[in-house]
Amino acid sequence: MLPAWDLKTEILVQNWKRRFPMKSSKILAGVAVVLLNAALCTVAVGQDKATAQDVVAKVREAASTLSKTGDLAPFNQKQSPWVWKDTYIFVLDCDKKLEVAHPMKPELVGTAISSIKDTKGNNVFPEGLCDAARKPSGVWIEYWWPKPGEKEGSRKLSYNLGANGTPYVVGAGIYDDKSTIAELSKLSSKK
């Protein structure tokens, strides 16, 4: 025979099991699913950052496409191949000195490139950018721009390349605190 306190405990446990036979296993399964999702999201987020190599390849592809088609419409759409991972293609018209495509900030389309400022108040697109971007290797520039969903600026490096036979310069960027313009320029000078 069990002592009185053990008997009461045993009765409580039996009542709990009768009332909630699957509840504890469902809770455990739910916790496991939440933890698995968190782990998978962490891995996915790490894989969703564009690299400098990704940017160079995509900018070159975009410049080639724009040289052939002259069509800016796809570069203004959020749902297009020109928006990928955590970055996107933007397009400048160097004859008109305007931003002509920006899928994430459509309010910038039609804005004079000399009036677009970073979060530190500096011009995003420096004087001479269009000429430098027309070189076969293109050009990297640095400025401070908010990451999607943020208000504070982070260091952003964008690769810019002229689209042959057009007045356009195509660009895309990465948020990076460590790479130098010199390192990135070596990367983009490779074919």
C-alpha atoms as a PDB file:
ATOM      1  CA  MET A   1       0.000   0.000   0.000  1.00  0.00           C
ATOM      2  CA  LEU A   2       1.209   3.510  -0.883  1.00  0.00           C
ATOM      3  CA  PRO A   3       1.548   6.277   1.681  1.00  0.00           C
ATOM      4  CA  ALA A   4      -1.298   8.823   1.581  1.00  0.00           C
ATOM      5  CA  TRP A   5       0.702  11.569  -0.205  1.00  0.00           C
ATOM      6  CA  ASP A   6       1.904   9.072  -2.869  1.00  0.00           C
ATOM      7  CA  LEU A   7      -1.656   7.855  -3.336  1.00  0.00           C
ATOM      8  CA  LYS A   8      -2.914  11.418  -3.863  1.00  0.00           C
ATOM      9  CA  THR A   9      -0.091  12.075  -6.337  1.00  0.00           C
ATOM     10  CA  GLU A  10      -0.868   8.849  -8.184  1.00  0.00           C
ATOM     11  CA  ILE A  11      -4.574   9.779  -8.411  1.00  0.00           C
ATOM     12  CA  LEU A  12      -3.694  13.239  -9.731  1.00  0.00           C
ATOM     13  CA  VAL A  13      -1.350  11.797 -12.357  1.00  0.00           C
ATOM     14  CA  GLN A  14      -3.976   9.262 -13.475  1.00  0.00           C
ATOM     15  CA  ASN A  15      -6.631  11.994 -13.701  1.00  0.00           C
ATOM     16  CA  TRP A  16      -4.240  14.185 -15.716  1.00  0.00           C
ATOM     17  CA  LYS A  17      -3.506  11.330 -18.128  1.00  0.00           C
ATOM     18  CA  ARG A  18      -7.246  10.638 -18.589  1.00  0.00           C
ATOM     19  CA  ARG A  19      -8.102  14.307 -19.193  1.00  0.00           C
ATOM     20  CA  PHE A  20      -5.147  15.189 -21.365  1.00  0.00           C
ATOM     21  CA  PRO A  21      -3.943  11.969 -22.931  1.00  0.00           C
ATOM     22  CA  MET A  22      -2.358  13.591 -25.996  1.00  0.00           C
ATOM     23  CA  LYS A  23      -1.930  17.148 -24.784  1.00  0.00           C
ATOM     24  CA  SER A  24       1.650  16.805 -23.525  1.00  0.00           C
ATOM     25  CA  SER A  25       2.839  14.958 -26.642  1.00  0.00           C
ATOM     26  CA  LYS A  26       1.183  17.605 -28.853  1.00  0.00           C
ATOM     27  CA  ILE A  27       2.907  20.359 -26.900  1.00  0.00           C
ATOM     28  CA  LEU A  28       6.221  18.566 -27.245  1.00  0.00           C
ATOM     29  CA  ALA A  29       5.668  18.129 -30.996  1.00  0.00           C
ATOM     30  CA  GLY A  30       4.722  21.810 -31.312  1.00  0.00           C
ATOM     31  CA  VAL A  31       7.874  22.909 -29.510  1.00  0.00           C
ATOM     32  CA  ALA A  32       9.951  20.638 -31.756  1.00  0.00           C
ATOM     33  CA  VAL A  33       8.376  22.155 -34.896  1.00  0.00           C
ATOM     34  CA  VAL A  34       9.029  25.711 -33.665  1.00  0.00           C
ATOM     35  CA  LEU A  35      12.677  24.911 -32.896  1.00  0.00           C
ATOM     36  CA  LEU A  36      13.145  23.211 -36.275  1.00  0.00           C
ATOM     37  CA  ASN A  37      11.619  26.199 -38.090  1.00  0.00           C
ATOM     38  CA  ALA A  38      13.881  28.593 -36.204  1.00  0.00           C
ATOM     39  CA  ALA A  39      16.943  26.536 -37.120  1.00  0.00           C
ATOM     40  CA  LEU A  40      15.945  26.314 -40.782  1.00  0.00           C
ATOM     41  CA  CYS A  41      15.179  30.034 -40.971  1.00  0.00           C
ATOM     42  CA  THR A  42      18.590  30.844 -39.517  1.00  0.00           C
ATOM     43  CA  VAL A  43      20.260  28.700 -42.176  1.00  0.00           C
ATOM     44  CA  ALA A  44      18.095  30.204 -44.941  1.00  0.00           C
ATOM     45  CA  VAL A  45      18.815  33.769 -43.867  1.00  0.00           C
ATOM     46  CA  GLY A  46      22.543  33.092 -44.039  1.00  0.00           C
ATOM     47  CA  GLN A  47      22.113  31.752 -47.576  1.00  0.00           C
ATOM     48  CA  ASP A  48      19.982  34.685 -48.724  1.00  0.00           C
ATOM     49  CA  LYS A  49      22.771  37.249 -48.783  1.00  0.00           C
ATOM     50  CA  ALA A  50      24.129  38.153 -52.177  1.00  0.00           C
ATOM     51  CA  THR A  51      27.895  37.970 -52.509  1.00  0.00           C
ATOM     52  CA  ALA A  52      30.074  40.367 -54.458  1.00  0.00           C
ATOM     53  CA  GLN A  53      30.482  37.617 -57.082  1.00  0.00           C
ATOM     54  CA  ASP A  54      26.674  37.292 -57.338  1.00  0.00           C
ATOM     55  CA  VAL A  55      26.362  41.040 -57.846  1.00  0.00           C
ATOM     56  CA  VAL A  56      29.031  41.200 -60.552  1.00  0.00           C
ATOM     57  CA  ALA A  57      27.441  38.304 -62.459  1.00  0.00           C
ATOM     58  CA  LYS A  58      23.898  39.677 -62.196  1.00  0.00           C
ATOM     59  CA  VAL A  59      24.918  43.248 -63.136  1.00  0.00           C
ATOM     60  CA  ARG A  60      26.755  41.931 -66.195  1.00  0.00           C
ATOM     61  CA  GLU A  61      23.712  39.872 -67.168  1.00  0.00           C
ATOM     62  CA  ALA A  62      21.398  42.863 -66.663  1.00  0.00           C
ATOM     63  CA  ALA A  63      23.656  45.189 -68.688  1.00  0.00           C
ATOM     64  CA  SER A  64      23.745  42.660 -71.520  1.00  0.00           C
ATOM     65  CA  THR A  65      19.965  42.240 -71.440  1.00  0.00           C
ATOM     66  CA  LEU A  66      19.371  45.994 -71.386  1.00  0.00           C
ATOM     67  CA  SER A  67      21.832  46.448 -74.284  1.00  0.00           C
ATOM     68  CA  LYS A  68      19.766  43.998 -76.347  1.00  0.00           C
ATOM     69  CA  THR A  69      16.242  45.053 -75.366  1.00  0.00           C
ATOM     70  CA  GLY A  70      16.415  48.626 -74.090  1.00  0.00           C
ATOM     71  CA  ASP A  71      13.368  47.699 -71.965  1.00  0.00           C
ATOM     72  CA  LEU A  72      13.431  49.204 -68.463  1.00  0.00           C
ATOM     73  CA  ALA A  73      10.077  47.734 -67.311  1.00  0.00           C
ATOM     74  CA  PRO A  74      11.473  44.459 -65.889  1.00  0.00           C
ATOM     75  CA  PHE A  75      13.957  46.418 -63.776  1.00  0.00           C
ATOM     76  CA  ASN A  76      11.121  48.271 -62.021  1.00  0.00           C
ATOM     77  CA  GLN A  77       9.290  45.120 -60.916  1.00  0.00           C
ATOM     78  CA  LYS A  78       9.755  43.566 -57.488  1.00  0.00           C
ATOM     79  CA  GLN A  79       8.801  40.151 -58.853  1.00  0.00           C
ATOM     80  CA  SER A  80      11.476  39.689 -61.499  1.00  0.00           C
ATOM     81  CA  PRO A  81      14.813  37.978 -61.956  1.00  0.00           C
ATOM     82  CA  TRP A  82      16.437  41.351 -61.226  1.00  0.00           C
ATOM     83  CA  VAL A  83      15.437  41.180 -57.549  1.00  0.00           C
ATOM     84  CA  TRP A  84      17.184  38.285 -55.809  1.00  0.00           C
ATOM     85  CA  LYS A  85      18.434  37.285 -52.380  1.00  0.00           C
ATOM     86  CA  ASP A  86      18.855  40.576 -50.462  1.00  0.00           C
ATOM     87  CA  THR A  87      19.587  42.863 -53.424  1.00  0.00           C
ATOM     88  CA  TYR A  88      18.264  44.164 -56.725  1.00  0.00           C
ATOM     89  CA  ILE A  89      19.253  45.851 -59.987  1.00  0.00           C
ATOM     90  CA  PHE A  90      18.796  49.606 -60.385  1.00  0.00           C
ATOM     91  CA  VAL A  91      19.351  51.599 -63.582  1.00  0.00           C
ATOM     92  CA  LEU A  92      20.646  55.134 -64.191  1.00  0.00           C
ATOM     93  CA  ASP A  93      20.249  57.129 -67.414  1.00  0.00           C
ATOM     94  CA  CYS A  94      23.581  58.942 -67.821  1.00  0.00           C
ATOM     95  CA  ASP A  95      22.340  61.214 -70.650  1.00  0.00           C
ATOM     96  CA  LYS A  96      19.380  62.500 -68.660  1.00  0.00           C
ATOM     97  CA  LYS A  97      21.210  62.126 -65.324  1.00  0.00           C
ATOM     98  CA  LEU A  98      18.203  60.346 -63.788  1.00  0.00           C
ATOM     99  CA  GLU A  99      17.486  57.155 -61.908  1.00  0.00           C
ATOM    100  CA  VAL A 100      15.186  55.304 -64.324  1.00  0.00           C
ATOM    101  CA  ALA A 101      14.629  51.954 -62.602  1.00  0.00           C
ATOM    102  CA  HIS A 102      14.457  50.975 -58.943  1.00  0.00           C
ATOM    103  CA  PRO A 103      12.226  48.037 -57.976  1.00  0.00           C
ATOM    104  CA  MET A 104      12.393  48.623 -54.219  1.00  0.00           C
ATOM    105  CA  LYS A 105      11.986  52.412 -54.115  1.00  0.00           C
ATOM    106  CA  PRO A 106       9.844  53.421 -57.088  1.00  0.00           C
ATOM    107  CA  GLU A 107       9.729  56.976 -55.721  1.00  0.00           C
ATOM    108  CA  LEU A 108      13.367  57.347 -56.858  1.00  0.00           C
ATOM    109  CA  VAL A 109      12.474  56.760 -60.527  1.00  0.00           C
ATOM    110  CA  GLY A 110      12.804  60.079 -62.354  1.00  0.00           C
ATOM    111  CA  THR A 111      14.999  61.591 -59.628  1.00  0.00           C
ATOM    112  CA  ALA A 112      18.153  63.459 -60.631  1.00  0.00           C
ATOM    113  CA  ILE A 113      21.069  61.232 -59.669  1.00  0.00           C
ATOM    114  CA  SER A 114      22.946  64.231 -58.254  1.00  0.00           C
ATOM    115  CA  SER A 115      20.162  64.767 -55.693  1.00  0.00           C
ATOM    116  CA  ILE A 116      20.066  61.218 -54.292  1.00  0.00           C
ATOM    117  CA  LYS A 117      21.778  61.326 -50.889  1.00  0.00           C
ATOM    118  CA  ASP A 118      22.842  58.550 -48.559  1.00  0.00           C
ATOM    119  CA  THR A 119      21.971  58.516 -44.854  1.00  0.00           C
ATOM    120  CA  LYS A 120      25.101  60.571 -44.107  1.00  0.00           C
ATOM    121  CA  GLY A 121      24.018  63.312 -46.524  1.00  0.00           C
ATOM    122  CA  ASN A 122      26.562  62.458 -49.236  1.00  0.00           C
ATOM    123  CA  ASN A 123      25.758  61.925 -52.908  1.00  0.00           C
ATOM    124  CA  VAL A 124      25.149  58.235 -53.564  1.00  0.00           C
ATOM    125  CA  PHE A 125      26.342  58.541 -57.156  1.00  0.00           C
ATOM    126  CA  PRO A 126      29.623  60.475 -57.345  1.00  0.00           C
ATOM    127  CA  GLU A 127      30.620  62.781 -60.183  1.00  0.00           C
ATOM    128  CA  GLY A 128      32.232  60.728 -62.937  1.00  0.00           C
ATOM    129  CA  LEU A 129      30.336  57.526 -62.113  1.00  0.00           C
ATOM    130  CA  CYS A 130      28.876  57.215 -65.614  1.00  0.00           C
ATOM    131  CA  ASP A 131      32.293  57.459 -67.285  1.00  0.00           C
ATOM    132  CA  ALA A 132      33.875  55.010 -64.839  1.00  0.00           C
ATOM    133  CA  ALA A 133      30.997  52.519 -65.266  1.00  0.00           C
ATOM    134  CA  ARG A 134      31.541  52.473 -69.039  1.00  0.00           C
ATOM    135  CA  LYS A 135      34.949  50.816 -68.583  1.00  0.00           C
ATOM    136  CA  PRO A 136      34.812  47.068 -69.328  1.00  0.00           C
ATOM    137  CA  SER A 137      35.430  46.258 -65.657  1.00  0.00           C
ATOM    138  CA  GLY A 138      32.776  48.684 -64.377  1.00  0.00           C
ATOM    139  CA  VAL A 139      33.196  50.468 -61.053  1.00  0.00           C
ATOM    140  CA  TRP A 140      32.424  49.890 -57.372  1.00  0.00           C
ATOM    141  CA  ILE A 141      31.195  52.745 -55.170  1.00  0.00           C
ATOM    142  CA  GLU A 142      30.529  53.033 -51.435  1.00  0.00           C
ATOM    143  CA  TYR A 143      27.683  54.789 -49.631  1.00  0.00           C
ATOM    144  CA  TRP A 144      25.413  54.407 -46.590  1.00  0.00           C
ATOM    145  CA  TRP A 145      21.937  53.049 -47.332  1.00  0.00           C
ATOM    146  CA  PRO A 146      19.232  51.512 -45.139  1.00  0.00           C
ATOM    147  CA  LYS A 147      18.830  47.756 -45.355  1.00  0.00           C
ATOM    148  CA  PRO A 148      15.304  46.712 -46.368  1.00  0.00           C
ATOM    149  CA  GLY A 149      12.960  47.407 -43.467  1.00  0.00           C
ATOM    150  CA  GLU A 150      15.471  49.600 -41.604  1.00  0.00           C
ATOM    151  CA  LYS A 151      15.836  53.369 -41.273  1.00  0.00           C
ATOM    152  CA  GLU A 152      19.497  53.600 -40.259  1.00  0.00           C
ATOM    153  CA  GLY A 153      22.102  53.445 -42.990  1.00  0.00           C
ATOM    154  CA  SER A 154      24.574  50.610 -43.335  1.00  0.00           C
ATOM    155  CA  ARG A 155      27.697  50.533 -45.481  1.00  0.00           C
ATOM    156  CA  LYS A 156      26.698  49.499 -48.983  1.00  0.00           C
ATOM    157  CA  LEU A 157      28.974  48.806 -51.928  1.00  0.00           C
ATOM    158  CA  SER A 158      27.463  48.782 -55.389  1.00  0.00           C
ATOM    159  CA  TYR A 159      28.887  47.547 -58.639  1.00  0.00           C
ATOM    160  CA  ASN A 160      27.977  49.655 -61.677  1.00  0.00           C
ATOM    161  CA  LEU A 161      28.438  48.817 -65.354  1.00  0.00           C
ATOM    162  CA  GLY A 162      27.411  50.559 -68.569  1.00  0.00           C
ATOM    163  CA  ALA A 163      24.918  48.832 -70.856  1.00  0.00           C
ATOM    164  CA  ASN A 164      26.619  49.073 -74.282  1.00  0.00           C
ATOM    165  CA  GLY A 165      24.778  51.058 -76.953  1.00  0.00           C
ATOM    166  CA  THR A 166      22.484  52.718 -74.398  1.00  0.00           C
ATOM    167  CA  PRO A 167      22.718  55.700 -72.058  1.00  0.00           C
ATOM    168  CA  TYR A 168      22.182  53.327 -69.129  1.00  0.00           C
ATOM    169  CA  VAL A 169      24.356  52.238 -66.231  1.00  0.00           C
ATOM    170  CA  VAL A 170      23.180  49.169 -64.338  1.00  0.00           C
ATOM    171  CA  GLY A 171      24.035  48.612 -60.682  1.00  0.00           C
ATOM    172  CA  ALA A 172      23.416  46.390 -57.667  1.00  0.00           C
ATOM    173  CA  GLY A 173      24.923  46.330 -54.213  1.00  0.00           C
ATOM    174  CA  ILE A 174      25.834  44.400 -51.113  1.00  0.00           C
ATOM    175  CA  TYR A 175      25.901  45.422 -47.465  1.00  0.00           C
ATOM    176  CA  ASP A 176      29.454  44.794 -46.320  1.00  0.00           C
ATOM    177  CA  ASP A 177      31.533  46.233 -43.486  1.00  0.00           C
ATOM    178  CA  LYS A 178      34.821  44.585 -44.417  1.00  0.00           C
ATOM    179  CA  SER A 179      35.521  44.494 -48.167  1.00  0.00           C
ATOM    180  CA  THR A 180      37.480  47.322 -49.734  1.00  0.00           C
ATOM    181  CA  ILE A 181      36.827  48.964 -53.086  1.00  0.00           C
ATOM    182  CA  ALA A 182      40.301  47.787 -54.190  1.00  0.00           C
ATOM    183  CA  GLU A 183      39.480  44.127 -53.375  1.00  0.00           C
ATOM    184  CA  LEU A 184      36.150  44.326 -55.158  1.00  0.00           C
ATOM    185  CA  SER A 185      37.697  46.044 -58.165  1.00  0.00           C
ATOM    186  CA  LYS A 186      40.080  43.098 -58.559  1.00  0.00           C
ATOM    187  CA  LEU A 187      37.087  40.765 -58.491  1.00  0.00           C
ATOM    188  CA  SER A 188      35.184  42.684 -61.172  1.00  0.00           C
ATOM    189  CA  SER A 189      38.242  43.032 -63.434  1.00  0.00           C
ATOM    190  CA  LYS A 190      38.252  39.227 -63.884  1.00  0.00           C
ATOM    191  CA  LYS A 191      36.203  37.909 -66.786  1.00  0.00           C
END
